[in-house]
PDB file of N, CA and C in Angstrom:
ATOM      1  N   MET A   1     193.625  49.763  27.626  1.00  0.00           N
ATOM      2  CA  MET A   1     193.351  49.118  29.145  1.00  0.00           C
ATOM      3  C   MET A   1     192.089  49.846  29.790  1.00  0.00           C
ATOM      4  N   MET A   2     191.358  48.970  30.215  1.00  0.00           N
ATOM      5  CA  MET A   2     190.003  49.382  30.804  1.00  0.00           C
ATOM      6  C   MET A   2     190.165  49.366  32.378  1.00  0.00           C
ATOM      7  N   LYS A   3     189.582  50.551  32.940  1.00  0.00           N
ATOM      8  CA  LYS A   3     189.621  50.559  34.396  1.00  0.00           C
ATOM      9  C   LYS A   3     188.659  49.498  34.955  1.00  0.00           C
ATOM     10  N   GLU A   4     189.104  48.948  36.130  1.00  0.00           N
ATOM     11  CA  GLU A   4     188.298  47.923  36.662  1.00  0.00           C
ATOM     12  C   GLU A   4     187.239  48.416  37.503  1.00  0.00           C
ATOM     13  N   ASN A   5     187.405  49.554  38.064  1.00  0.00           N
ATOM     14  CA  ASN A   5     186.343  50.230  38.920  1.00  0.00           C
ATOM     15  C   ASN A   5     185.130  50.928  38.075  1.00  0.00           C
ATOM     16  N   ARG A   6     185.177  50.846  36.795  1.00  0.00           N
ATOM     17  CA  ARG A   6     184.088  51.495  36.166  1.00  0.00           C
ATOM     18  C   ARG A   6     182.782  50.668  36.283  1.00  0.00           C
ATOM     19  N   LEU A   7     181.694  51.534  36.361  1.00  0.00           N
ATOM     20  CA  LEU A   7     180.343  51.016  36.608  1.00  0.00           C
ATOM     21  C   LEU A   7     179.755  50.232  35.170  1.00  0.00           C
ATOM     22  N   ARG A   8     180.306  50.952  34.206  1.00  0.00           N
ATOM     23  CA  ARG A   8     179.905  50.440  32.827  1.00  0.00           C
ATOM     24  C   ARG A   8     181.143  49.855  32.144  1.00  0.00           C
ATOM     25  N   SER A   9     181.173  48.665  32.035  1.00  0.00           N
ATOM     26  CA  SER A   9     182.425  47.953  31.576  1.00  0.00           C
ATOM     27  C   SER A   9     182.219  47.572  29.993  1.00  0.00           C
ATOM     28  N   ILE A  10     181.066  47.550  29.614  1.00  0.00           N
ATOM     29  CA  ILE A  10     180.699  47.085  28.199  1.00  0.00           C
ATOM     30  C   ILE A  10     180.849  48.162  27.279  1.00  0.00           C
ATOM     31  N   ARG A  11     181.669  48.058  26.141  1.00  0.00           N
ATOM     32  CA  ARG A  11     181.780  49.084  25.299  1.00  0.00           C
ATOM     33  C   ARG A  11     181.170  48.755  23.987  1.00  0.00           C
ATOM     34  N   LYS A  12     180.397  49.798  23.275  1.00  0.00           N
ATOM     35  CA  LYS A  12     179.704  49.549  21.932  1.00  0.00           C
ATOM     36  C   LYS A  12     180.429  50.679  21.014  1.00  0.00           C
ATOM     37  N   GLU A  13     180.591  50.200  19.849  1.00  0.00           N
ATOM     38  CA  GLU A  13     181.181  51.160  18.973  1.00  0.00           C
ATOM     39  C   GLU A  13     180.290  51.168  17.603  1.00  0.00           C
ATOM     40  N   ILE A  14     180.147  52.525  17.089  1.00  0.00           N
ATOM     41  CA  ILE A  14     179.346  52.802  15.833  1.00  0.00           C
ATOM     42  C   ILE A  14     180.301  53.403  14.898  1.00  0.00           C
ATOM     43  N   ARG A  15     179.987  53.429  13.622  1.00  0.00           N
ATOM     44  CA  ARG A  15     180.863  54.173  12.632  1.00  0.00           C
ATOM     45  C   ARG A  15     179.854  55.100  11.882  1.00  0.00           C
ATOM     46  N   LEU A  16     180.290  56.416  11.687  1.00  0.00           N
ATOM     47  CA  LEU A  16     179.517  57.445  11.137  1.00  0.00           C
ATOM     48  C   LEU A  16     180.256  58.132  10.041  1.00  0.00           C
ATOM     49  N   ASP A  17     179.547  58.691   8.915  1.00  0.00           N
ATOM     50  CA  ASP A  17     180.380  59.604   8.085  1.00  0.00           C
ATOM     51  C   ASP A  17     180.290  60.994   8.615  1.00  0.00           C
ATOM     52  N   ASP A  18     181.128  61.874   8.025  1.00  0.00           N
ATOM     53  CA  ASP A  18     181.152  63.266   8.548  1.00  0.00           C
ATOM     54  C   ASP A  18     179.717  63.857   8.748  1.00  0.00           C
ATOM     55  N   GLN A  19     178.878  63.788   7.815  1.00  0.00           N
ATOM     56  CA  GLN A  19     177.653  64.495   7.894  1.00  0.00           C
ATOM     57  C   GLN A  19     176.876  63.912   9.084  1.00  0.00           C
ATOM     58  N   GLU A  20     176.688  62.704   9.209  1.00  0.00           N
ATOM     59  CA  GLU A  20     176.061  61.861  10.269  1.00  0.00           C
ATOM     60  C   GLU A  20     176.744  62.358  11.823  1.00  0.00           C
ATOM     61  N   ASN A  21     177.958  62.433  11.782  1.00  0.00           N
ATOM     62  CA  ASN A  21     178.703  62.874  13.113  1.00  0.00           C
ATOM     63  C   ASN A  21     178.363  64.330  13.251  1.00  0.00           C
ATOM     64  N   ASP A  22     178.305  65.252  12.278  1.00  0.00           N
ATOM     65  CA  ASP A  22     177.976  66.692  12.541  1.00  0.00           C
ATOM     66  C   ASP A  22     176.619  66.778  12.901  1.00  0.00           C
ATOM     67  N   PHE A  23     175.687  66.034  12.312  1.00  0.00           N
ATOM     68  CA  PHE A  23     174.291  66.156  12.797  1.00  0.00           C
ATOM     69  C   PHE A  23     173.976  65.592  14.198  1.00  0.00           C
ATOM     70  N   ILE A  24     174.660  64.519  14.649  1.00  0.00           N
ATOM     71  CA  ILE A  24     174.578  64.049  15.866  1.00  0.00           C
ATOM     72  C   ILE A  24     175.211  65.046  16.821  1.00  0.00           C
ATOM     73  N   MET A  25     176.280  65.539  16.689  1.00  0.00           N
ATOM     74  CA  MET A  25     177.060  66.437  17.538  1.00  0.00           C
ATOM     75  C   MET A  25     176.294  67.743  17.788  1.00  0.00           C
ATOM     76  N   ASP A  26     175.555  68.120  16.698  1.00  0.00           N
ATOM     77  CA  ASP A  26     174.657  69.313  17.008  1.00  0.00           C
ATOM     78  C   ASP A  26     173.450  68.939  17.867  1.00  0.00           C
ATOM     79  N   LYS A  27     173.098  67.734  17.871  1.00  0.00           N
ATOM     80  CA  LYS A  27     171.917  67.293  18.802  1.00  0.00           C
ATOM     81  C   LYS A  27     172.470  67.220  20.132  1.00  0.00           C
ATOM     82  N   VAL A  28     173.656  66.711  20.380  1.00  0.00           N
ATOM     83  CA  VAL A  28     174.312  66.615  21.703  1.00  0.00           C
ATOM     84  C   VAL A  28     174.499  68.071  22.239  1.00  0.00           C
ATOM     85  N   LYS A  29     174.960  69.004  21.344  1.00  0.00           N
ATOM     86  CA  LYS A  29     175.096  70.255  21.952  1.00  0.00           C
ATOM     87  C   LYS A  29     173.805  71.002  22.446  1.00  0.00           C
ATOM     88  N   SER A  30     172.789  70.845  21.513  1.00  0.00           N
ATOM     89  CA  SER A  30     171.550  71.435  21.706  1.00  0.00           C
ATOM     90  C   SER A  30     170.810  70.711  22.891  1.00  0.00           C
ATOM     91  N   SER A  31     171.090  69.476  23.342  1.00  0.00           N
ATOM     92  CA  SER A  31     170.403  68.811  24.377  1.00  0.00           C
ATOM     93  C   SER A  31     170.952  69.362  25.735  1.00  0.00           C
ATOM     94  N   GLY A  32     172.128  69.855  25.890  1.00  0.00           N
ATOM     95  CA  GLY A  32     172.761  70.375  27.100  1.00  0.00           C
ATOM     96  C   GLY A  32     173.453  69.200  27.807  1.00  0.00           C
ATOM     97  N   ILE A  33     173.460  68.081  27.292  1.00  0.00           N
ATOM     98  CA  ILE A  33     174.133  66.918  27.815  1.00  0.00           C
ATOM     99  C   ILE A  33     175.672  67.186  27.445  1.00  0.00           C
ATOM    100  N   LYS A  34     176.643  66.901  28.382  1.00  0.00           N
ATOM    101  CA  LYS A  34     177.904  67.155  28.118  1.00  0.00           C
ATOM    102  C   LYS A  34     178.781  66.263  27.297  1.00  0.00           C
ATOM    103  N   SER A  35     178.318  65.105  27.036  1.00  0.00           N
ATOM    104  CA  SER A  35     179.200  64.175  26.233  1.00  0.00           C
ATOM    105  C   SER A  35     178.278  63.339  25.419  1.00  0.00           C
ATOM    106  N   PHE A  36     178.927  62.816  24.260  1.00  0.00           N
ATOM    107  CA  PHE A  36     178.234  62.085  23.367  1.00  0.00           C
ATOM    108  C   PHE A  36     177.831  60.791  23.986  1.00  0.00           C
ATOM    109  N   GLN A  37     178.604  60.173  24.949  1.00  0.00           N
ATOM    110  CA  GLN A  37     178.480  58.918  25.536  1.00  0.00           C
ATOM    111  C   GLN A  37     177.172  59.059  26.263  1.00  0.00           C
ATOM    112  N   ASN A  38     176.983  60.063  27.110  1.00  0.00           N
ATOM    113  CA  ASN A  38     175.722  60.319  27.942  1.00  0.00           C
ATOM    114  C   ASN A  38     174.617  60.541  27.028  1.00  0.00           C
ATOM    115  N   TYR A  39     174.696  61.283  25.945  1.00  0.00           N
ATOM    116  CA  TYR A  39     173.527  61.469  25.057  1.00  0.00           C
ATOM    117  C   TYR A  39     173.158  60.095  24.382  1.00  0.00           C
ATOM    118  N   ALA A  40     174.119  59.398  23.942  1.00  0.00           N
ATOM    119  CA  ALA A  40     173.798  58.256  23.300  1.00  0.00           C
ATOM    120  C   ALA A  40     173.113  57.198  24.190  1.00  0.00           C
ATOM    121  N   ARG A  41     173.631  57.057  25.464  1.00  0.00           N
ATOM    122  CA  ARG A  41     173.004  56.196  26.344  1.00  0.00           C
ATOM    123  C   ARG A  41     171.474  56.611  26.719  1.00  0.00           C
ATOM    124  N   HIS A  42     171.305  57.966  26.873  1.00  0.00           N
ATOM    125  CA  HIS A  42     169.877  58.373  27.179  1.00  0.00           C
ATOM    126  C   HIS A  42     169.059  58.011  25.793  1.00  0.00           C
ATOM    127  N   MET A  43     169.536  58.312  24.809  1.00  0.00           N
ATOM    128  CA  MET A  43     168.717  58.141  23.502  1.00  0.00           C
ATOM    129  C   MET A  43     168.454  56.595  23.362  1.00  0.00           C
ATOM    130  N   LEU A  44     169.411  55.710  23.624  1.00  0.00           N
ATOM    131  CA  LEU A  44     169.339  54.225  23.272  1.00  0.00           C
ATOM    132  C   LEU A  44     168.394  53.627  24.388  1.00  0.00           C
ATOM    133  N   ILE A  45     168.394  54.117  25.664  1.00  0.00           N
ATOM    134  CA  ILE A  45     167.608  53.616  26.802  1.00  0.00           C
ATOM    135  C   ILE A  45     166.158  54.096  26.696  1.00  0.00           C
ATOM    136  N   GLN A  46     166.138  55.533  26.605  1.00  0.00           N
ATOM    137  CA  GLN A  46     164.862  56.053  26.856  1.00  0.00           C
ATOM    138  C   GLN A  46     163.911  56.448  25.520  1.00  0.00           C
ATOM    139  N   GLY A  47     164.949  56.633  24.576  1.00  0.00           N
ATOM    140  CA  GLY A  47     164.323  56.898  23.137  1.00  0.00           C
ATOM    141  C   GLY A  47     164.152  58.482  22.961  1.00  0.00           C
ATOM    142  N   LYS A  48     164.552  59.157  23.979  1.00  0.00           N
ATOM    143  CA  LYS A  48     164.379  60.656  23.852  1.00  0.00           C
ATOM    144  C   LYS A  48     165.260  61.342  24.957  1.00  0.00           C
ATOM    145  N   VAL A  49     165.664  62.483  24.668  1.00  0.00           N
ATOM    146  CA  VAL A  49     166.486  63.174  25.743  1.00  0.00           C
ATOM    147  C   VAL A  49     165.514  64.435  26.046  1.00  0.00           C
ATOM    148  N   ILE A  50     165.313  64.652  27.406  1.00  0.00           N
ATOM    149  CA  ILE A  50     164.494  65.701  27.843  1.00  0.00           C
ATOM    150  C   ILE A  50     165.433  66.736  28.296  1.00  0.00           C
ATOM    151  N   THR A  51     165.077  67.944  27.726  1.00  0.00           N
ATOM    152  CA  THR A  51     166.014  69.103  28.192  1.00  0.00           C
ATOM    153  C   THR A  51     165.035  70.069  28.902  1.00  0.00           C
ATOM    154  N   ASN A  52     165.496  70.705  29.959  1.00  0.00           N
ATOM    155  CA  ASN A  52     164.732  71.758  30.555  1.00  0.00           C
ATOM    156  C   ASN A  52     165.257  73.141  30.293  1.00  0.00           C
ATOM    157  N   ASP A  53     164.051  73.966  29.991  1.00  0.00           N
ATOM    158  CA  ASP A  53     164.350  75.356  29.727  1.00  0.00           C
ATOM    159  C   ASP A  53     164.192  76.117  30.941  1.00  0.00           C
ATOM    160  N   TYR A  54     165.100  76.723  31.509  1.00  0.00           N
ATOM    161  CA  TYR A  54     164.974  77.358  32.838  1.00  0.00           C
ATOM    162  C   TYR A  54     164.747  78.909  32.656  1.00  0.00           C
ATOM    163  N   SER A  55     164.428  79.391  31.498  1.00  0.00           N
ATOM    164  CA  SER A  55     164.437  80.802  31.256  1.00  0.00           C
ATOM    165  C   SER A  55     163.073  81.359  31.930  1.00  0.00           C
ATOM    166  N   GLU A  56     162.065  80.619  32.076  1.00  0.00           N
ATOM    167  CA  GLU A  56     160.766  81.051  32.747  1.00  0.00           C
ATOM    168  C   GLU A  56     161.107  81.081  34.271  1.00  0.00           C
ATOM    169  N   LEU A  57     161.725  80.015  34.719  1.00  0.00           N
ATOM    170  CA  LEU A  57     162.068  80.010  36.113  1.00  0.00           C
ATOM    171  C   LEU A  57     163.055  81.283  36.559  1.00  0.00           C
ATOM    172  N   ILE A  58     163.936  81.575  35.621  1.00  0.00           N
ATOM    173  CA  ILE A  58     164.889  82.756  36.036  1.00  0.00           C
ATOM    174  C   ILE A  58     164.017  84.032  35.982  1.00  0.00           C
ATOM    175  N   GLY A  59     163.007  84.163  35.045  1.00  0.00           N
ATOM    176  CA  GLY A  59     162.214  85.403  34.892  1.00  0.00           C
ATOM    177  C   GLY A  59     161.373  85.471  36.100  1.00  0.00           C
ATOM    178  N   LEU A  60     160.809  84.260  36.652  1.00  0.00           N
ATOM    179  CA  LEU A  60     160.122  84.189  37.857  1.00  0.00           C
ATOM    180  C   LEU A  60     160.949  84.689  39.066  1.00  0.00           C
ATOM    181  N   ARG A  61     162.102  84.153  39.170  1.00  0.00           N
ATOM    182  CA  ARG A  61     163.028  84.622  40.293  1.00  0.00           C
ATOM    183  C   ARG A  61     163.290  86.192  40.111  1.00  0.00           C
ATOM    184  N   LYS A  62     163.473  86.758  38.928  1.00  0.00           N
ATOM    185  CA  LYS A  62     163.505  88.131  38.823  1.00  0.00           C
ATOM    186  C   LYS A  62     162.248  88.918  39.381  1.00  0.00           C
ATOM    187  N   GLU A  63     161.088  88.366  39.057  1.00  0.00           N
ATOM    188  CA  GLU A  63     160.000  89.224  39.520  1.00  0.00           C
ATOM    189  C   GLU A  63     159.767  89.032  40.979  1.00  0.00           C
ATOM    190  N   VAL A  64     160.056  87.866  41.510  1.00  0.00           N
ATOM    191  CA  VAL A  64     159.900  87.746  42.981  1.00  0.00           C
ATOM    192  C   VAL A  64     161.078  88.538  43.699  1.00  0.00           C
ATOM    193  N   ASN A  65     162.228  88.631  43.213  1.00  0.00           N
ATOM    194  CA  ASN A  65     163.274  89.617  43.765  1.00  0.00           C
ATOM    195  C   ASN A  65     162.840  91.018  43.748  1.00  0.00           C
ATOM    196  N   ALA A  66     162.180  91.308  42.573  1.00  0.00           N
ATOM    197  CA  ALA A  66     161.688  92.878  42.528  1.00  0.00           C
ATOM    198  C   ALA A  66     160.635  93.089  43.529  1.00  0.00           C
ATOM    199  N   ILE A  67     159.713  92.216  43.711  1.00  0.00           N
ATOM    200  CA  ILE A  67     158.653  92.364  44.700  1.00  0.00           C
ATOM    201  C   ILE A  67     159.229  92.286  46.019  1.00  0.00           C
ATOM    202  N   GLY A  68     160.249  91.493  46.370  1.00  0.00           N
ATOM    203  CA  GLY A  68     160.926  91.381  47.559  1.00  0.00           C
ATOM    204  C   GLY A  68     161.572  92.724  47.940  1.00  0.00           C
ATOM    205  N   ARG A  69     162.155  93.335  46.949  1.00  0.00           N
ATOM    206  CA  ARG A  69     162.916  94.725  47.193  1.00  0.00           C
ATOM    207  C   ARG A  69     161.791  95.683  47.703  1.00  0.00           C
ATOM    208  N   ASN A  70     160.638  95.603  47.014  1.00  0.00           N
ATOM    209  CA  ASN A  70     159.657  96.585  47.397  1.00  0.00           C
ATOM    210  C   ASN A  70     159.052  96.262  48.705  1.00  0.00           C
ATOM    211  N   VAL A  71     158.959  95.088  48.972  1.00  0.00           N
ATOM    212  CA  VAL A  71     158.586  94.799  50.473  1.00  0.00           C
ATOM    213  C   VAL A  71     159.613  95.291  51.577  1.00  0.00           C
ATOM    214  N   ASN A  72     160.874  95.017  51.196  1.00  0.00           N
ATOM    215  CA  ASN A  72     161.879  95.468  52.036  1.00  0.00           C
ATOM    216  C   ASN A  72     162.119  96.956  52.261  1.00  0.00           C
ATOM    217  N   GLN A  73     161.826  97.624  51.063  1.00  0.00           N
ATOM    218  CA  GLN A  73     161.680  99.148  51.212  1.00  0.00           C
ATOM    219  C   GLN A  73     160.548  99.652  52.319  1.00  0.00           C
ATOM    220  N   ILE A  74     159.430  98.993  52.044  1.00  0.00           N
ATOM    221  CA  ILE A  74     158.324  99.265  53.050  1.00  0.00           C
ATOM    222  C   ILE A  74     158.549  98.919  54.489  1.00  0.00           C
ATOM    223  N   VAL A  75     159.166  97.763  54.756  1.00  0.00           N
ATOM    224  CA  VAL A  75     159.606  97.371  56.074  1.00  0.00           C
ATOM    225  C   VAL A  75     160.575  98.247  56.639  1.00  0.00           C
ATOM    226  N   LYS A  76     161.518  98.754  55.811  1.00  0.00           N
ATOM    227  CA  LYS A  76     162.596  99.605  56.286  1.00  0.00           C
ATOM    228  C   LYS A  76     161.879 101.157  56.714  1.00  0.00           C
ATOM    229  N   TYR A  77     161.057 101.572  56.037  1.00  0.00           N
ATOM    230  CA  TYR A  77     160.205 102.712  56.234  1.00  0.00           C
ATOM    231  C   TYR A  77     159.516 102.568  57.507  1.00  0.00           C
ATOM    232  N   VAL A  78     158.850 101.358  57.605  1.00  0.00           N
ATOM    233  CA  VAL A  78     158.149 101.207  58.888  1.00  0.00           C
ATOM    234  C   VAL A  78     159.024 101.134  60.092  1.00  0.00           C
ATOM    235  N   ASN A  79     160.153 100.594  60.053  1.00  0.00           N
ATOM    236  CA  ASN A  79     161.179 100.435  61.068  1.00  0.00           C
ATOM    237  C   ASN A  79     161.653 101.817  61.363  1.00  0.00           C
ATOM    238  N   THR A  80     161.936 102.632  60.465  1.00  0.00           N
ATOM    239  CA  THR A  80     162.532 104.047  60.712  1.00  0.00           C
ATOM    240  C   THR A  80     161.408 105.066  61.275  1.00  0.00           C
ATOM    241  N   SER A  81     160.216 104.933  60.655  1.00  0.00           N
ATOM    242  CA  SER A  81     159.247 105.883  61.062  1.00  0.00           C
ATOM    243  C   SER A  81     158.428 105.448  62.189  1.00  0.00           C
ATOM    244  N   GLY A  82     158.334 104.070  62.497  1.00  0.00           N
ATOM    245  CA  GLY A  82     157.644 103.562  63.618  1.00  0.00           C
ATOM    246  C   GLY A  82     156.229 103.477  63.254  1.00  0.00           C
ATOM    247  N   GLU A  83     155.746 103.782  62.011  1.00  0.00           N
ATOM    248  CA  GLU A  83     154.443 103.594  61.627  1.00  0.00           C
ATOM    249  C   GLU A  83     154.211 103.099  60.249  1.00  0.00           C
ATOM    250  N   ILE A  84     152.980 102.668  59.924  1.00  0.00           N
ATOM    251  CA  ILE A  84     152.712 102.236  58.570  1.00  0.00           C
ATOM    252  C   ILE A  84     151.229 102.797  58.388  1.00  0.00           C
ATOM    253  N   GLY A  85     151.298 103.485  57.370  1.00  0.00           N
ATOM    254  CA  GLY A  85     149.827 103.988  56.930  1.00  0.00           C
ATOM    255  C   GLY A  85     149.054 102.947  56.024  1.00  0.00           C
ATOM    256  N   ARG A  86     147.809 103.220  55.979  1.00  0.00           N
ATOM    257  CA  ARG A  86     146.763 102.341  55.338  1.00  0.00           C
ATOM    258  C   ARG A  86     147.421 102.171  53.876  1.00  0.00           C
ATOM    259  N   GLU A  87     147.634 103.205  53.318  1.00  0.00           N
ATOM    260  CA  GLU A  87     148.138 102.986  51.790  1.00  0.00           C
ATOM    261  C   GLU A  87     149.386 102.274  51.596  1.00  0.00           C
ATOM    262  N   GLU A  88     150.344 102.311  52.690  1.00  0.00           N
ATOM    263  CA  GLU A  88     151.600 101.460  52.492  1.00  0.00           C
ATOM    264  C   GLU A  88     151.218 100.023  52.862  1.00  0.00           C
ATOM    265  N   PHE A  89     150.285  99.835  53.773  1.00  0.00           N
ATOM    266  CA  PHE A  89     149.978  98.619  54.090  1.00  0.00           C
ATOM    267  C   PHE A  89     149.340  97.733  53.046  1.00  0.00           C
ATOM    268  N   THR A  90     148.338  98.486  52.352  1.00  0.00           N
ATOM    269  CA  THR A  90     147.599  97.971  51.095  1.00  0.00           C
ATOM    270  C   THR A  90     148.480  97.587  50.033  1.00  0.00           C
ATOM    271  N   TYR A  91     149.450  98.541  49.798  1.00  0.00           N
ATOM    272  CA  TYR A  91     150.456  98.190  48.773  1.00  0.00           C
ATOM    273  C   TYR A  91     151.203  97.058  49.091  1.00  0.00           C
ATOM    274  N   LEU A  92     151.773  96.969  50.263  1.00  0.00           N
ATOM    275  CA  LEU A  92     152.505  95.788  50.811  1.00  0.00           C
ATOM    276  C   LEU A  92     151.725  94.330  50.624  1.00  0.00           C
ATOM    277  N   MET A  93     150.574  94.447  50.946  1.00  0.00           N
ATOM    278  CA  MET A  93     149.779  93.320  50.777  1.00  0.00           C
ATOM    279  C   MET A  93     149.531  92.958  49.346  1.00  0.00           C
ATOM    280  N   SER A  94     149.325  94.055  48.520  1.00  0.00           N
ATOM    281  CA  SER A  94     149.172  93.757  47.082  1.00  0.00           C
ATOM    282  C   SER A  94     150.331  93.134  46.443  1.00  0.00           C
ATOM    283  N   GLN A  95     151.471  93.466  46.954  1.00  0.00           N
ATOM    284  CA  GLN A  95     152.819  92.971  46.405  1.00  0.00           C
ATOM    285  C   GLN A  95     152.889  91.535  46.868  1.00  0.00           C
ATOM    286  N   VAL A  96     152.561  91.209  48.120  1.00  0.00           N
ATOM    287  CA  VAL A  96     152.589  89.695  48.460  1.00  0.00           C
ATOM    288  C   VAL A  96     151.544  88.978  47.686  1.00  0.00           C
ATOM    289  N   ASP A  97     150.340  89.594  47.597  1.00  0.00           N
ATOM    290  CA  ASP A  97     149.382  88.801  46.578  1.00  0.00           C
ATOM    291  C   ASP A  97     149.788  88.508  45.216  1.00  0.00           C
ATOM    292  N   GLU A  98     150.496  89.583  44.530  1.00  0.00           N
ATOM    293  CA  GLU A  98     151.053  89.559  43.333  1.00  0.00           C
ATOM    294  C   GLU A  98     152.102  88.363  43.178  1.00  0.00           C
ATOM    295  N   MET A  99     152.973  88.351  44.241  1.00  0.00           N
ATOM    296  CA  MET A  99     154.038  87.323  44.361  1.00  0.00           C
ATOM    297  C   MET A  99     153.318  86.006  44.460  1.00  0.00           C
ATOM    298  N   LYS A 100     152.285  85.776  45.155  1.00  0.00           N
ATOM    299  CA  LYS A 100     151.574  84.500  45.288  1.00  0.00           C
ATOM    300  C   LYS A 100     151.065  84.279  43.934  1.00  0.00           C
ATOM    301  N   GLN A 101     150.278  85.052  43.140  1.00  0.00           N
ATOM    302  CA  GLN A 101     149.819  84.921  41.830  1.00  0.00           C
ATOM    303  C   GLN A 101     150.710  84.436  40.962  1.00  0.00           C
ATOM    304  N   VAL A 102     151.927  85.180  40.863  1.00  0.00           N
ATOM    305  CA  VAL A 102     153.003  84.823  39.902  1.00  0.00           C
ATOM    306  C   VAL A 102     153.532  83.472  40.211  1.00  0.00           C
ATOM    307  N   VAL A 103     153.901  83.081  41.357  1.00  0.00           N
ATOM    308  CA  VAL A 103     154.374  81.810  41.711  1.00  0.00           C
ATOM    309  C   VAL A 103     153.297  80.661  41.312  1.00  0.00           C
ATOM    310  N   ALA A 104     151.844  80.817  41.663  1.00  0.00           N
ATOM    311  CA  ALA A 104     151.055  79.901  41.541  1.00  0.00           C
ATOM    312  C   ALA A 104     150.755  79.661  39.991  1.00  0.00           C
ATOM    313  N   LYS A 105     150.779  80.805  39.197  1.00  0.00           N
ATOM    314  CA  LYS A 105     150.658  80.601  37.743  1.00  0.00           C
ATOM    315  C   LYS A 105     151.757  79.890  37.099  1.00  0.00           C
ATOM    316  N   PHE A 106     153.020  80.123  37.654  1.00  0.00           N
ATOM    317  CA  PHE A 106     154.130  79.258  37.111  1.00  0.00           C
ATOM    318  C   PHE A 106     154.063  77.928  37.505  1.00  0.00           C
ATOM    319  N   ILE A 107     153.734  77.614  38.725  1.00  0.00           N
ATOM    320  CA  ILE A 107     153.532  76.172  39.053  1.00  0.00           C
ATOM    321  C   ILE A 107     152.410  75.454  38.306  1.00  0.00           C
ATOM    322  N   ASP A 108     151.410  76.217  38.030  1.00  0.00           N
ATOM    323  CA  ASP A 108     150.325  75.655  37.328  1.00  0.00           C
ATOM    324  C   ASP A 108     150.699  75.345  35.747  1.00  0.00           C
ATOM    325  N   SER A 109     151.458  76.197  35.243  1.00  0.00           N
ATOM    326  CA  SER A 109     151.854  76.065  33.848  1.00  0.00           C
ATOM    327  C   SER A 109     152.936  74.934  33.731  1.00  0.00           C
ATOM    328  N   GLU A 110     153.811  74.777  34.760  1.00  0.00           N
ATOM    329  CA  GLU A 110     154.634  73.611  34.765  1.00  0.00           C
ATOM    330  C   GLU A 110     153.978  72.298  35.014  1.00  0.00           C
ATOM    331  N   ARG A 111     153.029  72.355  35.767  1.00  0.00           N
ATOM    332  CA  ARG A 111     152.277  71.124  36.031  1.00  0.00           C
ATOM    333  C   ARG A 111     151.557  70.643  34.750  1.00  0.00           C
ATOM    334  N   VAL A 112     150.980  71.476  33.860  1.00  0.00           N
ATOM    335  CA  VAL A 112     150.327  71.202  32.722  1.00  0.00           C
ATOM    336  C   VAL A 112     151.313  70.814  31.725  1.00  0.00           C
ATOM    337  N   ILE A 113     152.476  71.406  31.627  1.00  0.00           N
ATOM    338  CA  ILE A 113     153.649  70.943  30.646  1.00  0.00           C
ATOM    339  C   ILE A 113     153.878  69.530  31.068  1.00  0.00           C
ATOM    340  N   HIS A 114     154.206  69.095  32.375  1.00  0.00           N
ATOM    341  CA  HIS A 114     154.532  67.894  32.746  1.00  0.00           C
ATOM    342  C   HIS A 114     153.605  66.797  32.578  1.00  0.00           C
ATOM    343  N   GLU A 115     152.292  67.295  32.887  1.00  0.00           N
ATOM    344  CA  GLU A 115     151.224  66.297  32.644  1.00  0.00           C
ATOM    345  C   GLU A 115     151.055  65.899  31.098  1.00  0.00           C
ATOM    346  N   SER A 116     151.170  66.821  30.319  1.00  0.00           N
ATOM    347  CA  SER A 116     151.188  66.508  28.858  1.00  0.00           C
ATOM    348  C   SER A 116     152.404  65.565  28.390  1.00  0.00           C
ATOM    349  N   GLU A 117     153.425  65.837  29.070  1.00  0.00           N
ATOM    350  CA  GLU A 117     154.612  64.966  28.677  1.00  0.00           C
ATOM    351  C   GLU A 117     154.429  63.618  29.043  1.00  0.00           C
ATOM    352  N   VAL A 118     153.693  63.315  30.252  1.00  0.00           N
ATOM    353  CA  VAL A 118     153.531  61.943  30.609  1.00  0.00           C
ATOM    354  C   VAL A 118     152.457  61.140  29.707  1.00  0.00           C
ATOM    355  N   LEU A 119     151.545  61.930  29.220  1.00  0.00           N
ATOM    356  CA  LEU A 119     150.379  61.354  28.424  1.00  0.00           C
ATOM    357  C   LEU A 119     151.118  61.068  27.053  1.00  0.00           C
TER     358      LEU A 119
END
């Protein structure tokens, strides 16, 4: 019995042997897509499944968080002491510049990757 409120009402069926099924299910698992149905639909329509590796983004977040902690420590020192020395200010600005460079480098590398995928 088929639900009447489904967006996709047409059903297609294929037959596989055990080896083919294992191969395809390994592809589904490595794609990050949760179901065979969604994987098959992407492959049939687009001819490929694009997966995103967020490990670099997670690394970027960790670096930005570390720099943010350093900045917070300096701000706390300034708030408690009421002053900031030239050395602390220079260090603070270098941390901000480093954060900008890390983020810009990441964005540039992502832009290059996406531009090469489009070509």
